[in-house]
């Protein structure tokens, strides 16, 4: 089933993006803000980077949870139980036992 491999690859990529998005978010109070230098970061505007990273975190977390739910369904990775695939062992033939002689 090729689509399971695609879902697993998407899941791993999403995990890496979620980790990066969480780690790149700035903390509540930067060191500059503690000393009165809480100016804007001009790359994305005053709160643009925080808003973008927050949006990326929400989207990747939703994809992560959705794929985790899909993987929990039975029969996504094949049969629901490996016991169903086990075949019965062939019966063991035992040698015939001769009855004991009546005189002994």
N, C-alpha and C. Protein backbone atom coordinates (compact mmCIF):
# COMPACT_ATOMS: atom_id res chain seq x y z
N UNK A 1 0.84 -1.17 0.00
CA UNK A 1 0.00 0.00 0.00
C UNK A 1 0.89 1.24 0.00
N UNK A 2 1.02 1.85 -1.14
CA UNK A 2 1.91 3.00 -1.30
C UNK A 2 1.42 4.22 -0.53
N UNK A 3 0.13 4.33 -0.32
CA UNK A 3 -0.39 5.52 0.34
C UNK A 3 -0.04 5.54 1.82
N UNK A 4 0.19 4.39 2.42
CA UNK A 4 0.62 4.37 3.82
C UNK A 4 2.04 4.93 3.92
N UNK A 5 2.88 4.61 2.95
CA UNK A 5 4.24 5.16 2.95
C UNK A 5 4.21 6.68 2.78
N UNK A 6 3.31 7.18 1.96
CA UNK A 6 3.17 8.63 1.77
C UNK A 6 2.70 9.28 3.07
N UNK A 7 1.74 8.66 3.76
CA UNK A 7 1.25 9.21 5.03
C UNK A 7 2.34 9.20 6.10
N UNK A 8 3.15 8.16 6.13
CA UNK A 8 4.25 8.11 7.12
C UNK A 8 5.28 9.19 6.82
N UNK A 9 5.61 9.38 5.54
CA UNK A 9 6.57 10.43 5.17
C UNK A 9 6.01 11.81 5.52
N UNK A 10 4.73 12.03 5.28
CA UNK A 10 4.09 13.30 5.63
C UNK A 10 4.08 13.48 7.14
N UNK A 11 3.88 12.42 7.88
CA UNK A 11 3.86 12.47 9.34
C UNK A 11 5.24 12.87 9.88
N UNK A 12 6.29 12.27 9.35
CA UNK A 12 7.65 12.59 9.81
C UNK A 12 8.00 14.04 9.45
N UNK A 13 7.66 14.47 8.25
CA UNK A 13 7.92 15.86 7.86
C UNK A 13 7.15 16.83 8.74
N UNK A 14 5.91 16.49 9.04
CA UNK A 14 5.10 17.34 9.91
C UNK A 14 5.67 17.41 11.31
N UNK A 15 6.18 16.28 11.82
CA UNK A 15 6.82 16.28 13.14
C UNK A 15 8.02 17.22 13.18
N UNK A 16 8.83 17.18 12.15
CA UNK A 16 10.01 18.04 12.10
C UNK A 16 9.61 19.51 12.00
N UNK A 17 8.59 19.82 11.21
CA UNK A 17 8.12 21.20 11.10
C UNK A 17 7.52 21.68 12.42
N UNK A 18 6.79 20.83 13.09
CA UNK A 18 6.19 21.20 14.38
C UNK A 18 7.28 21.48 15.42
N UNK A 19 8.30 20.65 15.45
CA UNK A 19 9.41 20.87 16.39
C UNK A 19 10.11 22.20 16.09
N UNK A 20 10.37 22.46 14.81
CA UNK A 20 11.04 23.71 14.43
C UNK A 20 10.17 24.93 14.76
N UNK A 21 8.87 24.84 14.50
CA UNK A 21 7.99 25.98 14.77
C UNK A 21 7.91 26.28 16.26
N UNK A 22 7.89 25.25 17.08
CA UNK A 22 7.82 25.48 18.53
C UNK A 22 9.13 26.05 19.04
N UNK A 23 10.25 25.52 18.55
CA UNK A 23 11.54 25.99 19.05
C UNK A 23 11.90 27.39 18.55
N UNK A 24 11.37 27.80 17.42
CA UNK A 24 11.69 29.13 16.88
C UNK A 24 10.85 30.25 17.50
N UNK A 25 9.82 29.93 18.22
CA UNK A 25 8.98 30.98 18.80
C UNK A 25 9.73 31.70 19.91
N UNK A 26 9.62 33.00 19.92
CA UNK A 26 10.31 33.75 20.98
C UNK A 26 9.59 33.55 22.31
N UNK A 27 10.33 33.72 23.39
CA UNK A 27 9.75 33.61 24.72
C UNK A 27 8.86 34.79 25.04
N UNK A 28 8.22 34.74 26.19
CA UNK A 28 7.33 35.83 26.60
C UNK A 28 8.11 37.11 26.87
N UNK A 29 9.27 36.99 27.48
CA UNK A 29 10.06 38.17 27.80
C UNK A 29 11.49 37.94 27.33
N UNK A 30 11.93 38.76 26.37
CA UNK A 30 13.31 38.69 25.91
C UNK A 30 14.21 39.41 26.90
N UNK A 31 15.49 39.18 26.80
CA UNK A 31 16.44 39.85 27.69
C UNK A 31 16.44 41.35 27.43
N UNK A 32 16.24 41.76 26.19
CA UNK A 32 16.20 43.20 25.88
C UNK A 32 14.96 43.85 26.49
N UNK A 33 13.86 43.12 26.55
CA UNK A 33 12.64 43.68 27.13
C UNK A 33 12.79 43.89 28.63
N UNK A 34 13.60 43.06 29.28
CA UNK A 34 13.81 43.21 30.71
C UNK A 34 14.51 44.51 31.05
N UNK A 35 15.39 44.99 30.14
CA UNK A 35 16.14 46.21 30.39
C UNK A 35 15.57 47.41 29.65
N UNK A 36 14.34 47.31 29.18
CA UNK A 36 13.69 48.45 28.54
C UNK A 36 13.94 48.56 27.05
N UNK A 37 14.57 47.61 26.42
CA UNK A 37 14.85 47.69 25.00
C UNK A 37 13.92 46.81 24.19
N UNK A 38 12.65 46.80 24.50
CA UNK A 38 11.71 45.91 23.84
C UNK A 38 11.20 46.48 22.53
N UNK A 39 12.08 46.88 21.62
CA UNK A 39 11.67 47.41 20.33
C UNK A 39 11.18 46.31 19.41
N UNK A 40 10.67 46.72 18.27
CA UNK A 40 10.13 45.73 17.34
C UNK A 40 11.25 45.06 16.56
N UNK A 41 11.00 43.83 16.20
CA UNK A 41 11.92 43.12 15.32
C UNK A 41 11.44 43.41 13.90
N UNK A 42 12.26 44.00 13.10
CA UNK A 42 11.80 44.55 11.84
C UNK A 42 11.66 43.53 10.72
N UNK A 43 12.07 42.29 10.92
CA UNK A 43 11.97 41.32 9.84
C UNK A 43 10.51 41.06 9.46
N UNK A 44 9.64 40.87 10.45
CA UNK A 44 8.23 40.60 10.18
C UNK A 44 7.32 41.68 10.77
N UNK A 45 7.87 42.75 11.27
CA UNK A 45 7.05 43.75 11.93
C UNK A 45 7.05 43.52 13.43
N UNK A 46 6.27 44.31 14.17
CA UNK A 46 6.31 44.18 15.63
C UNK A 46 5.85 42.82 16.15
N UNK A 47 4.82 42.23 15.56
CA UNK A 47 4.37 40.92 16.01
C UNK A 47 4.19 39.96 14.84
N UNK A 48 4.72 40.26 13.69
CA UNK A 48 4.51 39.43 12.52
C UNK A 48 5.11 38.04 12.63
N UNK A 49 6.30 37.91 13.20
CA UNK A 49 6.93 36.59 13.32
C UNK A 49 6.19 35.73 14.33
N UNK A 50 5.73 36.33 15.40
CA UNK A 50 5.00 35.56 16.40
C UNK A 50 3.68 35.07 15.83
N UNK A 51 3.00 35.91 15.06
CA UNK A 51 1.73 35.51 14.47
C UNK A 51 1.94 34.39 13.45
N UNK A 52 2.95 34.52 12.59
CA UNK A 52 3.22 33.51 11.57
C UNK A 52 3.62 32.18 12.20
N UNK A 53 4.52 32.22 13.18
CA UNK A 53 4.95 30.98 13.83
C UNK A 53 3.82 30.34 14.63
N UNK A 54 2.96 31.17 15.21
CA UNK A 54 1.79 30.63 15.91
C UNK A 54 0.85 29.93 14.95
N UNK A 55 0.65 30.52 13.78
CA UNK A 55 -0.21 29.91 12.75
C UNK A 55 0.39 28.60 12.26
N UNK A 56 1.71 28.58 12.01
CA UNK A 56 2.38 27.36 11.56
C UNK A 56 2.28 26.28 12.63
N UNK A 57 2.41 26.66 13.90
CA UNK A 57 2.30 25.68 14.99
C UNK A 57 0.90 25.08 15.04
N UNK A 58 -0.12 25.90 14.89
CA UNK A 58 -1.50 25.40 14.93
C UNK A 58 -1.77 24.45 13.77
N UNK A 59 -1.34 24.82 12.57
CA UNK A 59 -1.61 23.99 11.39
C UNK A 59 -0.85 22.67 11.48
N UNK A 60 0.43 22.72 11.85
CA UNK A 60 1.20 21.47 11.92
C UNK A 60 0.72 20.59 13.07
N UNK A 61 0.27 21.19 14.17
CA UNK A 61 -0.28 20.39 15.27
C UNK A 61 -1.58 19.72 14.85
N UNK A 62 -2.41 20.41 14.08
CA UNK A 62 -3.67 19.81 13.60
C UNK A 62 -3.38 18.66 12.64
N UNK A 63 -2.41 18.82 11.75
CA UNK A 63 -2.03 17.74 10.84
C UNK A 63 -1.45 16.56 11.62
N UNK A 64 -0.63 16.85 12.62
CA UNK A 64 -0.03 15.81 13.46
C UNK A 64 -1.11 14.99 14.16
N UNK A 65 -2.09 15.67 14.75
CA UNK A 65 -3.16 14.95 15.44
C UNK A 65 -4.06 14.19 14.47
N UNK A 66 -4.33 14.78 13.32
CA UNK A 66 -5.16 14.09 12.33
C UNK A 66 -4.51 12.83 11.80
N UNK A 67 -3.22 12.91 11.48
CA UNK A 67 -2.52 11.72 11.01
C UNK A 67 -2.38 10.67 12.11
N UNK A 68 -2.18 11.12 13.33
CA UNK A 68 -2.13 10.17 14.45
C UNK A 68 -3.46 9.45 14.62
N UNK A 69 -4.56 10.16 14.41
CA UNK A 69 -5.87 9.54 14.48
C UNK A 69 -6.07 8.54 13.34
N UNK A 70 -5.62 8.90 12.15
CA UNK A 70 -5.73 7.99 11.00
C UNK A 70 -4.91 6.72 11.25
N UNK A 71 -3.72 6.86 11.82
CA UNK A 71 -2.88 5.70 12.08
C UNK A 71 -3.47 4.81 13.17
N UNK A 72 -4.35 5.33 14.00
CA UNK A 72 -4.94 4.51 15.05
C UNK A 72 -6.10 3.66 14.55
N UNK A 73 -6.60 3.93 13.35
CA UNK A 73 -7.70 3.14 12.82
C UNK A 73 -7.22 1.73 12.48
N UNK A 74 -8.06 0.74 12.71
CA UNK A 74 -7.65 -0.62 12.32
C UNK A 74 -7.55 -0.74 10.81
N UNK A 75 -6.74 -1.64 10.37
CA UNK A 75 -6.53 -1.97 8.96
C UNK A 75 -5.85 -0.88 8.14
N UNK A 76 -5.26 0.13 8.76
CA UNK A 76 -4.50 1.12 7.99
C UNK A 76 -3.18 0.51 7.54
N UNK A 77 -2.54 -0.24 8.43
CA UNK A 77 -1.26 -0.85 8.12
C UNK A 77 -1.40 -2.30 7.68
N UNK A 78 -2.57 -2.71 7.31
CA UNK A 78 -2.80 -4.08 6.90
C UNK A 78 -3.80 -4.74 7.82
N UNK A 79 -3.71 -6.04 8.00
CA UNK A 79 -4.66 -6.74 8.87
C UNK A 79 -4.60 -6.20 10.29
N UNK A 80 -5.72 -6.27 10.96
CA UNK A 80 -5.81 -5.72 12.30
C UNK A 80 -5.02 -6.56 13.31
N UNK A 81 -4.84 -7.84 13.05
CA UNK A 81 -4.14 -8.69 13.99
C UNK A 81 -3.22 -9.63 13.23
N UNK A 82 -2.05 -9.84 13.78
CA UNK A 82 -1.13 -10.76 13.15
C UNK A 82 -1.51 -12.20 13.43
N UNK A 83 -2.35 -12.41 14.43
CA UNK A 83 -2.76 -13.77 14.77
C UNK A 83 -3.63 -14.35 13.65
N UNK A 84 -4.36 -13.51 12.94
CA UNK A 84 -5.19 -13.99 11.85
C UNK A 84 -4.37 -14.57 10.71
N UNK A 85 -3.15 -14.11 10.57
CA UNK A 85 -2.31 -14.59 9.47
C UNK A 85 -1.58 -15.88 9.81
N UNK A 86 -1.56 -16.27 11.07
CA UNK A 86 -0.86 -17.48 11.47
C UNK A 86 -1.69 -18.68 11.04
N UNK A 87 -1.05 -19.57 10.34
CA UNK A 87 -1.74 -20.77 9.87
C UNK A 87 -1.60 -21.87 10.92
N UNK A 88 -2.58 -22.73 10.94
CA UNK A 88 -2.53 -23.86 11.86
C UNK A 88 -1.38 -24.77 11.48
N UNK A 89 -0.62 -25.24 12.45
CA UNK A 89 0.46 -26.18 12.11
C UNK A 89 -0.15 -27.50 11.65
N UNK A 90 0.51 -28.19 10.77
CA UNK A 90 -0.02 -29.48 10.31
C UNK A 90 -0.07 -30.46 11.48
N UNK A 91 -1.07 -31.32 11.48
CA UNK A 91 -1.15 -32.27 12.59
C UNK A 91 0.04 -33.22 12.58
N UNK A 92 0.51 -33.55 13.75
CA UNK A 92 1.66 -34.43 13.90
C UNK A 92 1.15 -35.87 13.89
N UNK A 93 1.71 -36.66 13.02
CA UNK A 93 1.31 -38.06 12.95
C UNK A 93 2.11 -38.86 13.97
N UNK A 94 1.40 -39.56 14.78
CA UNK A 94 2.06 -40.38 15.79
C UNK A 94 2.06 -41.82 15.31
N UNK A 95 3.11 -42.54 15.60
CA UNK A 95 3.13 -43.95 15.18
C UNK A 95 2.04 -44.73 15.94
N UNK A 96 1.48 -45.67 15.24
CA UNK A 96 0.42 -46.48 15.85
C UNK A 96 1.00 -47.32 16.97
N UNK A 97 0.31 -47.38 18.07
CA UNK A 97 0.76 -48.17 19.19
C UNK A 97 0.15 -49.56 19.11
N UNK A 98 0.97 -50.51 19.26
CA UNK A 98 0.46 -51.90 19.25
C UNK A 98 -0.08 -52.24 20.62
N UNK A 99 -1.23 -52.87 20.65
CA UNK A 99 -1.78 -53.21 21.98
C UNK A 99 -0.90 -54.26 22.65
N UNK A 100 -0.81 -54.25 23.94
CA UNK A 100 0.01 -55.24 24.63
C UNK A 100 -0.55 -56.64 24.43
N UNK A 101 0.34 -57.59 24.43
CA UNK A 101 -0.08 -58.98 24.26
C UNK A 101 -0.92 -59.41 25.46
N UNK A 102 -1.97 -60.22 25.19
CA UNK A 102 -2.86 -60.61 26.30
C UNK A 102 -2.17 -61.43 27.38
N UNK A 103 -1.14 -62.13 27.08
CA UNK A 103 -0.51 -63.00 28.08
C UNK A 103 0.50 -62.26 28.93
N UNK A 104 0.89 -61.14 28.63
CA UNK A 104 1.96 -60.48 29.39
C UNK A 104 1.42 -59.56 30.40
